[in-house]
Amino acid sequence: QFGQLAKELRQQDCLQYAAFCNLAMARCEQTLFNAPG
C-alpha cells in the first residue's frame, strides 16, 4: 500500500511525499528481511 501511494504521488509530481512513502516501504521490507526490496 505504501508502494501504491508512492506511485500515485509520483504521478501527481509530489516527489518528496512519494519519497517518504518509499522510505516507509523500505522499513517494511527490512522488517520482512527482504534486503533486495
Full PDB file with SEQRES, HELIX, SHEET, SSBOND, CRYST1, ORIGX, SCALE, CONECT and MASTER records, all heavy atoms in Angstrom:
SEQRES   1 A   37  GLN PHE GLY GLN LEU ALA LYS GLU LEU ARG GLN GLN ASP          
SEQRES   2 A   37  CYS LEU GLN TYR ALA ALA PHE CYS ASN LEU ALA MET ALA          
SEQRES   3 A   37  ARG CYS GLU GLN THR LEU PHE ASN ALA PRO GLY                  
HELIX    1 AA1 PHE A    2  GLN A   11  1                                  10    
HELIX    2 AA2 LEU A   15  THR A   31  1                                  17    
CRYST1    1.000    1.000    1.000  90.00  90.00  90.00 P 1           1          
ORIGX1      1.000000  0.000000  0.000000        0.00000                         
ORIGX2      0.000000  1.000000  0.000000        0.00000                         
ORIGX3      0.000000  0.000000  1.000000        0.00000                         
SCALE1      1.000000  0.000000  0.000000        0.00000                         
SCALE2      0.000000  1.000000  0.000000        0.00000                         
SCALE3      0.000000  0.000000  1.000000        0.00000                         
ATOM      1  N   GLN A   1       0.829  -1.215   0.000  1.00  0.00           N  
ATOM      2  CA  GLN A   1       0.000   0.000   0.000  1.00  0.00           C  
ATOM      3  C   GLN A   1       0.862   1.263   0.000  1.00  0.00           C  
ATOM      4  O   GLN A   1       0.521   2.253  -0.651  1.00  0.00           O  
ATOM      5  CB  GLN A   1      -0.941  -0.025   1.201  1.00  0.00           C  
ATOM      6  CG  GLN A   1      -2.043  -1.065   1.072  1.00  0.00           C  
ATOM      7  CD  GLN A   1      -2.933  -1.144   2.301  1.00  0.00           C  
ATOM      8  OE1 GLN A   1      -2.612  -0.563   3.349  1.00  0.00           O  
ATOM      9  NE2 GLN A   1      -4.044  -1.854   2.194  1.00  0.00           N  
ATOM     10  N   PHE A   2       1.977   1.239   0.732  1.00  0.00           N  
ATOM     11  CA  PHE A   2       2.908   2.377   0.690  1.00  0.00           C  
ATOM     12  C   PHE A   2       3.457   2.557  -0.727  1.00  0.00           C  
ATOM     13  O   PHE A   2       3.600   3.672  -1.218  1.00  0.00           O  
ATOM     14  CB  PHE A   2       4.066   2.159   1.669  1.00  0.00           C  
ATOM     15  CG  PHE A   2       3.759   2.523   3.093  1.00  0.00           C  
ATOM     16  CD1 PHE A   2       4.019   1.631   4.131  1.00  0.00           C  
ATOM     17  CD2 PHE A   2       3.223   3.768   3.416  1.00  0.00           C  
ATOM     18  CE1 PHE A   2       3.745   1.967   5.454  1.00  0.00           C  
ATOM     19  CE2 PHE A   2       2.940   4.113   4.732  1.00  0.00           C  
ATOM     20  CZ  PHE A   2       3.191   3.203   5.754  1.00  0.00           C  
ATOM     21  N   GLY A   3       3.746   1.438  -1.373  1.00  0.00           N  
ATOM     22  CA  GLY A   3       4.260   1.498  -2.742  1.00  0.00           C  
ATOM     23  C   GLY A   3       3.242   2.068  -3.702  1.00  0.00           C  
ATOM     24  O   GLY A   3       3.588   2.868  -4.585  1.00  0.00           O  
ATOM     25  N   GLN A   4       1.970   1.692  -3.536  1.00  0.00           N  
ATOM     26  CA  GLN A   4       0.905   2.214  -4.393  1.00  0.00           C  
ATOM     27  C   GLN A   4       0.708   3.707  -4.167  1.00  0.00           C  
ATOM     28  O   GLN A   4       0.541   4.484  -5.114  1.00  0.00           O  
ATOM     29  CB  GLN A   4      -0.398   1.465  -4.102  1.00  0.00           C  
ATOM     30  CG  GLN A   4      -1.579   1.903  -4.964  1.00  0.00           C  
ATOM     31  CD  GLN A   4      -1.339   1.726  -6.447  1.00  0.00           C  
ATOM     32  OE1 GLN A   4      -0.683   0.775  -6.874  1.00  0.00           O  
ATOM     33  NE2 GLN A   4      -1.858   2.651  -7.244  1.00  0.00           N  
ATOM     34  N   LEU A   5       0.757   4.118  -2.903  1.00  0.00           N  
ATOM     35  CA  LEU A   5       0.615   5.542  -2.580  1.00  0.00           C  
ATOM     36  C   LEU A   5       1.778   6.349  -3.163  1.00  0.00           C  
ATOM     37  O   LEU A   5       1.582   7.451  -3.693  1.00  0.00           O  
ATOM     38  CB  LEU A   5       0.544   5.726  -1.059  1.00  0.00           C  
ATOM     39  CG  LEU A   5       0.307   7.144  -0.529  1.00  0.00           C  
ATOM     40  CD1 LEU A   5      -0.943   7.761  -1.141  1.00  0.00           C  
ATOM     41  CD2 LEU A   5       0.205   7.130   0.990  1.00  0.00           C  
ATOM     42  N   ALA A   6       2.978   5.786  -3.084  1.00  0.00           N  
ATOM     43  CA  ALA A   6       4.159   6.455  -3.659  1.00  0.00           C  
ATOM     44  C   ALA A   6       4.006   6.628  -5.170  1.00  0.00           C  
ATOM     45  O   ALA A   6       4.341   7.676  -5.734  1.00  0.00           O  
ATOM     46  CB  ALA A   6       5.411   5.639  -3.352  1.00  0.00           C  
ATOM     47  N   LYS A   7       3.464   5.595  -5.821  1.00  0.00           N  
ATOM     48  CA  LYS A   7       3.266   5.653  -7.277  1.00  0.00           C  
ATOM     49  C   LYS A   7       2.273   6.762  -7.643  1.00  0.00           C  
ATOM     50  O   LYS A   7       2.507   7.532  -8.586  1.00  0.00           O  
ATOM     51  CB  LYS A   7       2.757   4.294  -7.764  1.00  0.00           C  
ATOM     52  CG  LYS A   7       2.604   4.197  -9.270  1.00  0.00           C  
ATOM     53  CD  LYS A   7       2.133   2.799  -9.666  1.00  0.00           C  
ATOM     54  CE  LYS A   7       1.942   2.712 -11.183  1.00  0.00           C  
ATOM     55  NZ  LYS A   7       1.459   1.350 -11.577  1.00  0.00           N  
ATOM     56  N   GLU A   8       1.176   6.861  -6.885  1.00  0.00           N  
ATOM     57  CA  GLU A   8       0.174   7.895  -7.163  1.00  0.00           C  
ATOM     58  C   GLU A   8       0.747   9.294  -6.941  1.00  0.00           C  
ATOM     59  O   GLU A   8       0.512  10.216  -7.733  1.00  0.00           O  
ATOM     60  CB  GLU A   8      -1.040   7.687  -6.261  1.00  0.00           C  
ATOM     61  CG  GLU A   8      -1.844   6.429  -6.588  1.00  0.00           C  
ATOM     62  CD  GLU A   8      -2.986   6.210  -5.616  1.00  0.00           C  
ATOM     63  OE1 GLU A   8      -3.376   7.195  -4.932  1.00  0.00           O  
ATOM     64  OE2 GLU A   8      -3.482   5.075  -5.522  1.00  0.00           O  
ATOM     65  N   LEU A   9       1.498   9.447  -5.871  1.00  0.00           N  
ATOM     66  CA  LEU A   9       2.080  10.758  -5.563  1.00  0.00           C  
ATOM     67  C   LEU A   9       3.119  11.164  -6.602  1.00  0.00           C  
ATOM     68  O   LEU A   9       3.236  12.343  -6.947  1.00  0.00           O  
ATOM     69  CB  LEU A   9       2.711  10.730  -4.169  1.00  0.00           C  
ATOM     70  CG  LEU A   9       1.716  10.683  -3.007  1.00  0.00           C  
ATOM     71  CD1 LEU A   9       2.409  10.289  -1.720  1.00  0.00           C  
ATOM     72  CD2 LEU A   9       1.027  12.048  -2.848  1.00  0.00           C  
ATOM     73  N   ARG A  10       3.858  10.187  -7.113  1.00  0.00           N  
ATOM     74  CA  ARG A  10       4.842  10.488  -8.155  1.00  0.00           C  
ATOM     75  C   ARG A  10       4.142  10.970  -9.424  1.00  0.00           C  
ATOM     76  O   ARG A  10       4.609  11.903 -10.085  1.00  0.00           O  
ATOM     77  CB  ARG A  10       5.670   9.239  -8.457  1.00  0.00           C  
ATOM     78  CG  ARG A  10       6.843   9.503  -9.380  1.00  0.00           C  
ATOM     79  CD  ARG A  10       7.606   8.249  -9.735  1.00  0.00           C  
ATOM     80  NE  ARG A  10       8.034   7.501  -8.569  1.00  0.00           N  
ATOM     81  CZ  ARG A  10       8.880   6.468  -8.623  1.00  0.00           C  
ATOM     82  NH1 ARG A  10       9.382   6.083  -9.787  1.00  0.00           N  
ATOM     83  NH2 ARG A  10       9.217   5.825  -7.536  1.00  0.00           N  
ATOM     84  N   GLN A  11       3.020  10.335  -9.751  1.00  0.00           N  
ATOM     85  CA  GLN A  11       2.266  10.740 -10.938  1.00  0.00           C  
ATOM     86  C   GLN A  11       1.718  12.165 -10.789  1.00  0.00           C  
ATOM     87  O   GLN A  11       1.529  12.867 -11.776  1.00  0.00           O  
ATOM     88  CB  GLN A  11       1.122   9.757 -11.177  1.00  0.00           C  
ATOM     89  CG  GLN A  11       1.587   8.392 -11.666  1.00  0.00           C  
ATOM     90  CD  GLN A  11       0.466   7.362 -11.702  1.00  0.00           C  
ATOM     91  OE1 GLN A  11      -0.613   7.585 -11.140  1.00  0.00           O  
ATOM     92  NE2 GLN A  11       0.712   6.235 -12.355  1.00  0.00           N  
ATOM     93  N   GLN A  12       1.462  12.565  -9.532  1.00  0.00           N  
ATOM     94  CA  GLN A  12       0.965  13.922  -9.274  1.00  0.00           C  
ATOM     95  C   GLN A  12       2.110  14.914  -9.045  1.00  0.00           C  
ATOM     96  O   GLN A  12       1.879  16.058  -8.682  1.00  0.00           O  
ATOM     97  CB  GLN A  12       0.042  13.895  -8.055  1.00  0.00           C  
ATOM     98  CG  GLN A  12      -1.221  13.072  -8.272  1.00  0.00           C  
ATOM     99  CD  GLN A  12      -2.025  12.912  -6.996  1.00  0.00           C  
ATOM    100  OE1 GLN A  12      -2.165  13.864  -6.224  1.00  0.00           O  
ATOM    101  NE2 GLN A  12      -2.547  11.736  -6.756  1.00  0.00           N  
ATOM    102  N   ASP A  13       3.344  14.445  -9.254  1.00  0.00           N  
ATOM    103  CA  ASP A  13       4.535  15.293  -9.127  1.00  0.00           C  
ATOM    104  C   ASP A  13       4.763  15.778  -7.695  1.00  0.00           C  
ATOM    105  O   ASP A  13       5.354  16.841  -7.481  1.00  0.00           O  
ATOM    106  CB  ASP A  13       4.438  16.493 -10.080  1.00  0.00           C  
ATOM    107  CG  ASP A  13       5.822  16.994 -10.505  1.00  0.00           C  
ATOM    108  OD1 ASP A  13       6.762  16.172 -10.517  1.00  0.00           O  
ATOM    109  OD2 ASP A  13       5.960  18.187 -10.817  1.00  0.00           O  
ATOM    110  N   CYS A  14       4.292  14.994  -6.720  1.00  0.00           N  
ATOM    111  CA  CYS A  14       4.592  15.289  -5.309  1.00  0.00           C  
ATOM    112  C   CYS A  14       5.775  14.420  -4.901  1.00  0.00           C  
ATOM    113  O   CYS A  14       5.622  13.417  -4.163  1.00  0.00           O  
ATOM    114  CB  CYS A  14       3.374  15.005  -4.432  1.00  0.00           C  
ATOM    115  SG  CYS A  14       1.919  15.979  -4.871  1.00  0.00           S  
ATOM    116  N   LEU A  15       6.940  14.772  -5.395  1.00  0.00           N  
ATOM    117  CA  LEU A  15       8.090  13.871  -5.324  1.00  0.00           C  
ATOM    118  C   LEU A  15       8.560  13.606  -3.902  1.00  0.00           C  
ATOM    119  O   LEU A  15       8.885  12.465  -3.549  1.00  0.00           O  
ATOM    120  CB  LEU A  15       9.246  14.452  -6.153  1.00  0.00           C  
ATOM    121  CG  LEU A  15       8.941  14.707  -7.635  1.00  0.00           C  
ATOM    122  CD1 LEU A  15      10.180  15.215  -8.357  1.00  0.00           C  
ATOM    123  CD2 LEU A  15       8.431  13.446  -8.299  1.00  0.00           C  
ATOM    124  N   GLN A  16       8.625  14.654  -3.071  1.00  0.00           N  
ATOM    125  CA  GLN A  16       9.135  14.431  -1.716  1.00  0.00           C  
ATOM    126  C   GLN A  16       8.198  13.558  -0.891  1.00  0.00           C  
ATOM    127  O   GLN A  16       8.640  12.731  -0.088  1.00  0.00           O  
ATOM    128  CB  GLN A  16       9.436  15.754  -1.000  1.00  0.00           C  
ATOM    129  CG  GLN A  16       8.233  16.577  -0.625  1.00  0.00           C  
ATOM    130  CD  GLN A  16       7.837  17.540  -1.726  1.00  0.00           C  
ATOM    131  OE1 GLN A  16       7.966  17.230  -2.911  1.00  0.00           O  
ATOM    132  NE2 GLN A  16       7.353  18.714  -1.336  1.00  0.00           N  
ATOM    133  N   TYR A  17       6.863  13.689  -1.119  1.00  0.00           N  
ATOM    134  CA  TYR A  17       5.916  12.846  -0.392  1.00  0.00           C  
ATOM    135  C   TYR A  17       6.003  11.402  -0.869  1.00  0.00           C  
ATOM    136  O   TYR A  17       5.888  10.458  -0.069  1.00  0.00           O  
ATOM    137  CB  TYR A  17       4.494  13.386  -0.566  1.00  0.00           C  
ATOM    138  CG  TYR A  17       4.303  14.762   0.022  1.00  0.00           C  
ATOM    139  CD1 TYR A  17       3.807  15.812  -0.738  1.00  0.00           C  
ATOM    140  CD2 TYR A  17       4.638  15.014   1.351  1.00  0.00           C  
ATOM    141  CE1 TYR A  17       3.654  17.080  -0.206  1.00  0.00           C  
ATOM    142  CE2 TYR A  17       4.475  16.281   1.898  1.00  0.00           C  
ATOM    143  CZ  TYR A  17       3.989  17.315   1.119  1.00  0.00           C  
ATOM    144  OH  TYR A  17       3.834  18.567   1.665  1.00  0.00           O  
ATOM    145  N   ALA A  18       6.208  11.233  -2.188  1.00  0.00           N  
ATOM    146  CA  ALA A  18       6.397   9.881  -2.728  1.00  0.00           C  
ATOM    147  C   ALA A  18       7.645   9.247  -2.130  1.00  0.00           C  
ATOM    148  O   ALA A  18       7.668   8.050  -1.826  1.00  0.00           O  
ATOM    149  CB  ALA A  18       6.515   9.941  -4.249  1.00  0.00           C  
ATOM    150  N   ALA A  19       8.680  10.070  -1.925  1.00  0.00           N  
ATOM    151  CA  ALA A  19       9.926   9.566  -1.339  1.00  0.00           C  
ATOM    152  C   ALA A  19       9.700   9.082   0.093  1.00  0.00           C  
ATOM    153  O   ALA A  19      10.217   8.031   0.488  1.00  0.00           O  
ATOM    154  CB  ALA A  19      10.996  10.661  -1.360  1.00  0.00           C  
ATOM    155  N   PHE A  20       8.890   9.816   0.865  1.00  0.00           N  
ATOM    156  CA  PHE A  20       8.595   9.401   2.240  1.00  0.00           C  
ATOM    157  C   PHE A  20       7.847   8.059   2.255  1.00  0.00           C  
ATOM    158  O   PHE A  20       8.077   7.218   3.126  1.00  0.00           O  
ATOM    159  CB  PHE A  20       7.781  10.476   2.966  1.00  0.00           C  
ATOM    160  CG  PHE A  20       8.601  11.660   3.397  1.00  0.00           C  
ATOM    161  CD1 PHE A  20       8.298  12.943   2.966  1.00  0.00           C  
ATOM    162  CD2 PHE A  20       9.684  11.485   4.251  1.00  0.00           C  
ATOM    163  CE1 PHE A  20       9.072  14.029   3.367  1.00  0.00           C  
ATOM    164  CE2 PHE A  20      10.459  12.569   4.661  1.00  0.00           C  
ATOM    165  CZ  PHE A  20      10.143  13.845   4.217  1.00  0.00           C  
ATOM    166  N   CYS A  21       6.967   7.866   1.281  1.00  0.00           N  
ATOM    167  CA  CYS A  21       6.249   6.584   1.184  1.00  0.00           C  
ATOM    168  C   CYS A  21       7.213   5.447   0.845  1.00  0.00           C  
ATOM    169  O   CYS A  21       7.082   4.333   1.366  1.00  0.00           O  
ATOM    170  CB  CYS A  21       5.159   6.677   0.125  1.00  0.00           C  
ATOM    171  SG  CYS A  21       3.778   7.733   0.607  1.00  0.00           S  
ATOM    172  N   ASN A  22       8.175   5.736  -0.022  1.00  0.00           N  
ATOM    173  CA  ASN A  22       9.175   4.718  -0.344  1.00  0.00           C  
ATOM    174  C   ASN A  22      10.033   4.388   0.873  1.00  0.00           C  
ATOM    175  O   ASN A  22      10.446   3.240   1.051  1.00  0.00           O  
ATOM    176  CB  ASN A  22      10.058   5.194  -1.503  1.00  0.00           C  
ATOM    177  CG  ASN A  22       9.463   4.862  -2.852  1.00  0.00           C  
ATOM    178  OD1 ASN A  22       9.116   3.713  -3.126  1.00  0.00           O  
ATOM    179  ND2 ASN A  22       9.320   5.863  -3.705  1.00  0.00           N  
ATOM    180  N   LEU A  23      10.310   5.392   1.698  1.00  0.00           N  
ATOM    181  CA  LEU A  23      11.063   5.143   2.933  1.00  0.00           C  
ATOM    182  C   LEU A  23      10.280   4.223   3.871  1.00  0.00           C  
ATOM    183  O   LEU A  23      10.840   3.303   4.475  1.00  0.00           O  
ATOM    184  CB  LEU A  23      11.359   6.469   3.646  1.00  0.00           C  
ATOM    185  CG  LEU A  23      12.634   7.214   3.235  1.00  0.00           C  
ATOM    186  CD1 LEU A  23      12.749   8.514   4.020  1.00  0.00           C  
ATOM    187  CD2 LEU A  23      13.866   6.367   3.465  1.00  0.00           C  
ATOM    188  N   ALA A  24       8.975   4.490   3.979  1.00  0.00           N  
ATOM    189  CA  ALA A  24       8.131   3.634   4.815  1.00  0.00           C  
ATOM    190  C   ALA A  24       8.104   2.216   4.250  1.00  0.00           C  
ATOM    191  O   ALA A  24       8.137   1.228   5.004  1.00  0.00           O  
ATOM    192  CB  ALA A  24       6.720   4.216   4.873  1.00  0.00           C  
ATOM    193  N   MET A  25       8.064   2.113   2.935  1.00  0.00           N  
ATOM    194  CA  MET A  25       8.089   0.811   2.275  1.00  0.00           C  
ATOM    195  C   MET A  25       9.401   0.077   2.570  1.00  0.00           C  
ATOM    196  O   MET A  25       9.411  -1.131   2.820  1.00  0.00           O  
ATOM    197  CB  MET A  25       7.924   1.022   0.766  1.00  0.00           C  
ATOM    198  CG  MET A  25       7.805  -0.239  -0.055  1.00  0.00           C  
ATOM    199  SD  MET A  25       7.600   0.155  -1.805  1.00  0.00           S  
ATOM    200  CE  MET A  25       7.710  -1.485  -2.514  1.00  0.00           C  
ATOM    201  N   ALA A  26      10.512   0.829   2.576  1.00  0.00           N  
ATOM    202  CA  ALA A  26      11.824   0.227   2.877  1.00  0.00           C  
ATOM    203  C   ALA A  26      11.855  -0.326   4.297  1.00  0.00           C  
ATOM    204  O   ALA A  26      12.419  -1.398   4.541  1.00  0.00           O  
ATOM    205  CB  ALA A  26      12.930   1.271   2.686  1.00  0.00           C  
ATOM    206  N   ARG A  27      11.236   0.397   5.245  1.00  0.00           N  
ATOM    207  CA  ARG A  27      11.183  -0.094   6.630  1.00  0.00           C  
ATOM    208  C   ARG A  27      10.385  -1.394   6.727  1.00  0.00           C  
ATOM    209  O   ARG A  27      10.733  -2.301   7.485  1.00  0.00           O  
ATOM    210  CB  ARG A  27      10.596   0.983   7.545  1.00  0.00           C  
ATOM    211  CG  ARG A  27      11.553   2.135   7.834  1.00  0.00           C  
ATOM    212  CD  ARG A  27      11.046   2.999   8.986  1.00  0.00           C  
ATOM    213  NE  ARG A  27       9.836   3.730   8.624  1.00  0.00           N  
ATOM    214  CZ  ARG A  27       9.831   4.935   8.058  1.00  0.00           C  
ATOM    215  NH1 ARG A  27      10.977   5.544   7.798  1.00  0.00           N  
ATOM    216  NH2 ARG A  27       8.697   5.539   7.771  1.00  0.00           N  
ATOM    217  N   CYS A  28       9.309  -1.462   5.944  1.00  0.00           N  
ATOM    218  CA  CYS A  28       8.506  -2.697   5.925  1.00  0.00           C  
ATOM    219  C   CYS A  28       9.325  -3.861   5.366  1.00  0.00           C  
ATOM    220  O   CYS A  28       9.297  -4.976   5.908  1.00  0.00           O  
ATOM    221  CB  CYS A  28       7.251  -2.494   5.075  1.00  0.00           C  
ATOM    222  SG  CYS A  28       6.046  -1.352   5.774  1.00  0.00           S  
ATOM    223  N   GLU A  29      10.040  -3.602   4.273  1.00  0.00           N  
ATOM    224  CA  GLU A  29      10.847  -4.663   3.655  1.00  0.00           C  
ATOM    225  C   GLU A  29      11.960  -5.111   4.607  1.00  0.00           C  
ATOM    226  O   GLU A  29      12.329  -6.284   4.638  1.00  0.00           O  
ATOM    227  CB  GLU A  29      11.444  -4.177   2.330  1.00  0.00           C  
ATOM    228  CG  GLU A  29      10.421  -3.835   1.260  1.00  0.00           C  
ATOM    229  CD  GLU A  29       9.552  -5.012   0.867  1.00  0.00           C  
ATOM    230  OE1 GLU A  29      10.036  -6.167   0.910  1.00  0.00           O  
ATOM    231  OE2 GLU A  29       8.366  -4.794   0.542  1.00  0.00           O  
ATOM    232  N   GLN A  30      12.492  -4.172   5.390  1.00  0.00           N  
ATOM    233  CA  GLN A  30      13.516  -4.532   6.372  1.00  0.00           C  
ATOM    234  C   GLN A  30      12.924  -5.446   7.443  1.00  0.00           C  
ATOM    235  O   GLN A  30      13.559  -6.426   7.857  1.00  0.00           O  
ATOM    236  CB  GLN A  30      14.079  -3.263   7.014  1.00  0.00           C  
ATOM    237  CG  GLN A  30      15.225  -3.521   7.991  1.00  0.00           C  
ATOM    238  CD  GLN A  30      15.677  -2.252   8.696  1.00  0.00           C  
ATOM    239  OE1 GLN A  30      14.852  -1.435   9.108  1.00  0.00           O  
ATOM    240  NE2 GLN A  30      16.987  -2.076   8.824  1.00  0.00           N  
ATOM    241  N   THR A  31      11.698  -5.142   7.876  1.00  0.00           N  
ATOM    242  CA  THR A  31      11.016  -5.980   8.864  1.00  0.00           C  
ATOM    243  C   THR A  31      10.785  -7.391   8.324  1.00  0.00           C  
ATOM    244  O   THR A  31      10.849  -8.373   9.061  1.00  0.00           O  
ATOM    245  CB  THR A  31       9.659  -5.344   9.250  1.00  0.00           C  
ATOM    246  OG1 THR A  31       9.891  -4.012   9.719  1.00  0.00           O  
ATOM    247  CG2 THR A  31       8.957  -6.146  10.329  1.00  0.00           C  
ATOM    248  N   LEU A  32      10.539  -7.477   7.009  1.00  0.00           N  
ATOM    249  CA  LEU A  32      10.300  -8.768   6.361  1.00  0.00           C  
ATOM    250  C   LEU A  32      11.599  -9.491   5.991  1.00  0.00           C  
ATOM    251  O   LEU A  32      11.557 -10.560   5.384  1.00  0.00           O  
ATOM    252  CB  LEU A  32       9.457  -8.566   5.091  1.00  0.00           C  
ATOM    253  CG  LEU A  32       8.031  -8.041   5.293  1.00  0.00           C  
ATOM    254  CD1 LEU A  32       7.435  -7.605   3.974  1.00  0.00           C  
ATOM    255  CD2 LEU A  32       7.175  -9.105   5.963  1.00  0.00           C  
ATOM    256  N   PHE A  33      12.740  -8.868   6.323  1.00  0.00           N  
ATOM    257  CA  PHE A  33      14.073  -9.403   5.990  1.00  0.00           C  
ATOM    258  C   PHE A  33      14.238  -9.599   4.475  1.00  0.00           C  
ATOM    259  O   PHE A  33      14.867 -10.556   4.023  1.00  0.00           O  
ATOM    260  CB  PHE A  33      14.331 -10.736   6.728  1.00  0.00           C  
ATOM    261  CG  PHE A  33      14.296 -10.603   8.219  1.00  0.00           C  
ATOM    262  CD1 PHE A  33      13.169 -10.998   8.936  1.00  0.00           C  
ATOM    263  CD2 PHE A  33      15.364 -10.042   8.902  1.00  0.00           C  
ATOM    264  CE1 PHE A  33      13.124 -10.855  10.320  1.00  0.00           C  
ATOM    265  CE2 PHE A  33      15.331  -9.898  10.295  1.00  0.00           C  
ATOM    266  CZ  PHE A  33      14.202 -10.311  10.999  1.00  0.00           C  
ATOM    267  N   ASN A  34      13.632  -8.684   3.729  1.00  0.00           N  
ATOM    268  CA  ASN A  34      13.746  -8.708   2.268  1.00  0.00           C  
ATOM    269  C   ASN A  34      14.734  -7.633   1.847  1.00  0.00           C  
ATOM    270  O   ASN A  34      14.350  -6.507   1.514  1.00  0.00           O  
ATOM    271  CB  ASN A  34      12.368  -8.477   1.636  1.00  0.00           C  
ATOM    272  CG  ASN A  34      12.425  -8.464   0.117  1.00  0.00           C  
ATOM    273  OD1 ASN A  34      13.412  -8.893  -0.485  1.00  0.00           O  
ATOM    274  ND2 ASN A  34      11.369  -7.962  -0.516  1.00  0.00           N  
ATOM    275  N   ALA A  35      16.031  -7.953   1.893  1.00  0.00           N  
ATOM    276  CA  ALA A  35      17.082  -6.959   1.607  1.00  0.00           C  
ATOM    277  C   ALA A  35      16.987  -6.380   0.199  1.00  0.00           C  
ATOM    278  O   ALA A  35      17.128  -5.160   0.026  1.00  0.00           O  
ATOM    279  CB  ALA A  35      18.456  -7.580   1.849  1.00  0.00           C  
ATOM    280  N   PRO A  36      16.749  -7.200  -0.866  1.00  0.00           N  
ATOM    281  CA  PRO A  36      16.626  -6.605  -2.210  1.00  0.00           C  
ATOM    282  C   PRO A  36      15.494  -5.584  -2.298  1.00  0.00           C  
ATOM    283  O   PRO A  36      15.657  -4.518  -2.910  1.00  0.00           O  
ATOM    284  CB  PRO A  36      16.355  -7.819  -3.105  1.00  0.00           C  
ATOM    285  CG  PRO A  36      16.938  -8.978  -2.375  1.00  0.00           C  
ATOM    286  CD  PRO A  36      16.705  -8.680  -0.928  1.00  0.00           C  
ATOM    287  N   GLY A  37      14.338  -5.902  -1.669  1.00  0.00           N  
ATOM    288  CA  GLY A  37      13.218  -4.961  -1.680  1.00  0.00           C  
ATOM    289  C   GLY A  37      13.531  -3.691  -0.911  1.00  0.00           C  
ATOM    290  O   GLY A  37      13.158  -2.586  -1.332  1.00  0.00           O  
TER     291      GLY A  37                                                      
MASTER        0    0    0    2    0    0    0    6  290    1    0    3          
END                                                                             
